[in-house]
Amino acid sequence: MSAYGMAHLENVDMGPQIVEYLERIDGTLSPFSGKFIVHGGRQDVVEGTSNGAFIVIEFPDREHLEGWYASDAYREILPLRAEHSDGLVIMADGVDADHKATDILG
């Protein structure tokens, strides 16, 4: 089942460190079959407030997601983002194609 790395980033300092992070992150994702499914583009807040950007990276499963996040390659570039933005980073499992909202009740 797919797993997702999600971030809501605010106060991003688009200086050289973030540029380097962006230039290098794709190379860290490839060995773990990670791919951006939301990154930039139009984002409209329809409830609540946000001054940031929402990013979603899809992985084949939780093992790939956790492997990527713990990898030496990603750990090397992580400070480039973390020290130049504020935000929330979440790991979440996806659901099956036939999932219904009431499935969480049982």
C-alpha atoms as a PDB file:
ATOM      1  CA  MET A   1       0.000   0.000   0.000  1.00  0.00           C
ATOM      2  CA  SER A   2       1.332   3.444  -0.874  1.00  0.00           C
ATOM      3  CA  ALA A   3       2.723   5.705   1.835  1.00  0.00           C
ATOM      4  CA  TYR A   4       3.140   9.461   1.745  1.00  0.00           C
ATOM      5  CA  GLY A   5       5.616  11.969   3.040  1.00  0.00           C
ATOM      6  CA  MET A   6       3.802  15.272   3.463  1.00  0.00           C
ATOM      7  CA  ALA A   7       4.995  18.693   4.494  1.00  0.00           C
ATOM      8  CA  HIS A   8       3.373  22.041   5.134  1.00  0.00           C
ATOM      9  CA  LEU A   9       6.183  24.584   4.889  1.00  0.00           C
ATOM     10  CA  GLU A  10       6.035  28.244   5.806  1.00  0.00           C
ATOM     11  CA  ASN A  11       8.578  31.049   5.974  1.00  0.00           C
ATOM     12  CA  VAL A  12      10.773  29.418   3.348  1.00  0.00           C
ATOM     13  CA  ASP A  13      13.956  31.409   2.814  1.00  0.00           C
ATOM     14  CA  MET A  14      14.501  30.863  -0.925  1.00  0.00           C
ATOM     15  CA  GLY A  15      18.245  31.407  -0.624  1.00  0.00           C
ATOM     16  CA  PRO A  16      21.114  29.229  -1.833  1.00  0.00           C
ATOM     17  CA  GLN A  17      20.496  26.482   0.763  1.00  0.00           C
ATOM     18  CA  ILE A  18      16.911  25.853  -0.375  1.00  0.00           C
ATOM     19  CA  VAL A  19      18.024  25.973  -4.009  1.00  0.00           C
ATOM     20  CA  GLU A  20      20.658  23.323  -3.257  1.00  0.00           C
ATOM     21  CA  TYR A  21      18.064  21.216  -1.412  1.00  0.00           C
ATOM     22  CA  LEU A  22      15.739  21.370  -4.420  1.00  0.00           C
ATOM     23  CA  GLU A  23      18.562  20.492  -6.794  1.00  0.00           C
ATOM     24  CA  ARG A  24      19.505  17.420  -4.747  1.00  0.00           C
ATOM     25  CA  ILE A  25      16.244  15.966  -3.393  1.00  0.00           C
ATOM     26  CA  ASP A  26      15.210  14.126  -6.568  1.00  0.00           C
ATOM     27  CA  GLY A  27      18.406  12.082  -6.402  1.00  0.00           C
ATOM     28  CA  THR A  28      17.551  10.992  -2.857  1.00  0.00           C
ATOM     29  CA  LEU A  29      14.050   9.896  -3.880  1.00  0.00           C
ATOM     30  CA  SER A  30      14.997   7.710  -6.857  1.00  0.00           C
ATOM     31  CA  PRO A  31      16.460   4.729  -4.931  1.00  0.00           C
ATOM     32  CA  PHE A  32      13.232   4.543  -2.899  1.00  0.00           C
ATOM     33  CA  SER A  33      10.815   5.016  -5.837  1.00  0.00           C
ATOM     34  CA  GLY A  34       9.576   8.277  -4.342  1.00  0.00           C
ATOM     35  CA  LYS A  35       7.842  10.838  -6.538  1.00  0.00           C
ATOM     36  CA  PHE A  36       6.300  14.226  -5.996  1.00  0.00           C
ATOM     37  CA  ILE A  37       2.535  14.259  -6.464  1.00  0.00           C
ATOM     38  CA  VAL A  38       1.991  17.772  -5.027  1.00  0.00           C
ATOM     39  CA  HIS A  39       4.793  20.343  -5.163  1.00  0.00           C
ATOM     40  CA  GLY A  40       4.208  23.958  -5.962  1.00  0.00           C
ATOM     41  CA  GLY A  41       1.484  24.921  -8.351  1.00  0.00           C
ATOM     42  CA  ARG A  42      -1.865  26.320  -7.389  1.00  0.00           C
ATOM     43  CA  GLN A  43      -2.986  25.736  -3.822  1.00  0.00           C
ATOM     44  CA  ASP A  44      -6.218  27.281  -2.580  1.00  0.00           C
ATOM     45  CA  VAL A  45      -7.048  27.252   1.133  1.00  0.00           C
ATOM     46  CA  VAL A  46     -10.811  26.703   1.393  1.00  0.00           C
ATOM     47  CA  GLU A  47     -11.005  26.202   5.176  1.00  0.00           C
ATOM     48  CA  GLY A  48      -8.671  27.598   7.822  1.00  0.00           C
ATOM     49  CA  THR A  49      -5.587  29.674   7.145  1.00  0.00           C
ATOM     50  CA  SER A  50      -2.218  28.958   5.610  1.00  0.00           C
ATOM     51  CA  ASN A  51       0.679  31.043   4.435  1.00  0.00           C
ATOM     52  CA  GLY A  52       2.693  28.085   3.274  1.00  0.00           C
ATOM     53  CA  ALA A  53       3.066  25.396   0.683  1.00  0.00           C
ATOM     54  CA  PHE A  54       1.808  21.812   0.880  1.00  0.00           C
ATOM     55  CA  ILE A  55       4.042  19.072  -0.526  1.00  0.00           C
ATOM     56  CA  VAL A  56       3.213  15.374  -0.976  1.00  0.00           C
ATOM     57  CA  ILE A  57       5.701  12.673  -1.986  1.00  0.00           C
ATOM     58  CA  GLU A  58       4.385   9.191  -2.781  1.00  0.00           C
ATOM     59  CA  PHE A  59       6.280   5.969  -2.064  1.00  0.00           C
ATOM     60  CA  PRO A  60       5.315   2.359  -2.846  1.00  0.00           C
ATOM     61  CA  ASP A  61       4.964   1.553   0.860  1.00  0.00           C
ATOM     62  CA  ARG A  62       5.941   2.631   4.391  1.00  0.00           C
ATOM     63  CA  GLU A  63       9.257   0.742   4.207  1.00  0.00           C
ATOM     64  CA  HIS A  64      10.377   2.808   1.200  1.00  0.00           C
ATOM     65  CA  LEU A  65       9.222   6.066   2.834  1.00  0.00           C
ATOM     66  CA  GLU A  66      11.008   5.396   6.110  1.00  0.00           C
ATOM     67  CA  GLY A  67      14.098   4.159   4.261  1.00  0.00           C
ATOM     68  CA  TRP A  68      14.274   7.379   2.256  1.00  0.00           C
ATOM     69  CA  TYR A  69      13.834   9.647   5.278  1.00  0.00           C
ATOM     70  CA  ALA A  70      16.534   7.761   7.228  1.00  0.00           C
ATOM     71  CA  SER A  71      18.923   7.464   4.270  1.00  0.00           C
ATOM     72  CA  ASP A  72      22.351   9.057   4.424  1.00  0.00           C
ATOM     73  CA  ALA A  73      21.632  10.913   1.180  1.00  0.00           C
ATOM     74  CA  TYR A  74      18.503  12.584   2.550  1.00  0.00           C
ATOM     75  CA  ARG A  75      19.966  13.191   6.016  1.00  0.00           C
ATOM     76  CA  GLU A  76      22.814  15.050   4.329  1.00  0.00           C
ATOM     77  CA  ILE A  77      20.468  17.589   2.708  1.00  0.00           C
ATOM     78  CA  LEU A  78      17.768  17.751   5.401  1.00  0.00           C
ATOM     79  CA  PRO A  79      19.390  20.677   7.278  1.00  0.00           C
ATOM     80  CA  LEU A  80      19.302  22.724   4.075  1.00  0.00           C
ATOM     81  CA  ARG A  81      15.490  22.699   4.316  1.00  0.00           C
ATOM     82  CA  ALA A  82      14.950  22.437   8.063  1.00  0.00           C
ATOM     83  CA  GLU A  83      17.208  25.371   8.912  1.00  0.00           C
ATOM     84  CA  HIS A  84      15.637  27.616   6.259  1.00  0.00           C
ATOM     85  CA  SER A  85      11.905  26.981   6.667  1.00  0.00           C
ATOM     86  CA  ASP A  86       9.289  26.323   9.319  1.00  0.00           C
ATOM     87  CA  GLY A  87       6.823  23.562   9.013  1.00  0.00           C
ATOM     88  CA  LEU A  88       5.255  20.264   9.727  1.00  0.00           C
ATOM     89  CA  VAL A  89       6.406  16.950   8.215  1.00  0.00           C
ATOM     90  CA  ILE A  90       4.161  13.875   8.386  1.00  0.00           C
ATOM     91  CA  MET A  91       4.384  10.240   7.273  1.00  0.00           C
ATOM     92  CA  ALA A  92       1.040   8.615   6.463  1.00  0.00           C
ATOM     93  CA  ASP A  93      -0.145   5.336   5.010  1.00  0.00           C
ATOM     94  CA  GLY A  94      -2.489   5.372   2.061  1.00  0.00           C
ATOM     95  CA  VAL A  95      -5.722   3.402   1.847  1.00  0.00           C
ATOM     96  CA  ASP A  96      -7.005   0.705  -0.504  1.00  0.00           C
ATOM     97  CA  ALA A  97      -8.885   1.769  -3.622  1.00  0.00           C
ATOM     98  CA  ASP A  98     -12.175   0.520  -2.138  1.00  0.00           C
ATOM     99  CA  HIS A  99     -11.765   2.378   1.183  1.00  0.00           C
ATOM    100  CA  LYS A 100     -14.901   3.989   2.648  1.00  0.00           C
ATOM    101  CA  ALA A 101     -14.932   6.645   5.353  1.00  0.00           C
ATOM    102  CA  THR A 102     -16.749   4.330   7.761  1.00  0.00           C
ATOM    103  CA  ASP A 103     -13.908   1.765   7.570  1.00  0.00           C
ATOM    104  CA  ILE A 104     -12.120   3.622  10.371  1.00  0.00           C
ATOM    105  CA  LEU A 105     -15.023   2.874  12.731  1.00  0.00           C
ATOM    106  CA  GLY A 106     -14.557  -0.873  12.780  1.00  0.00           C
END
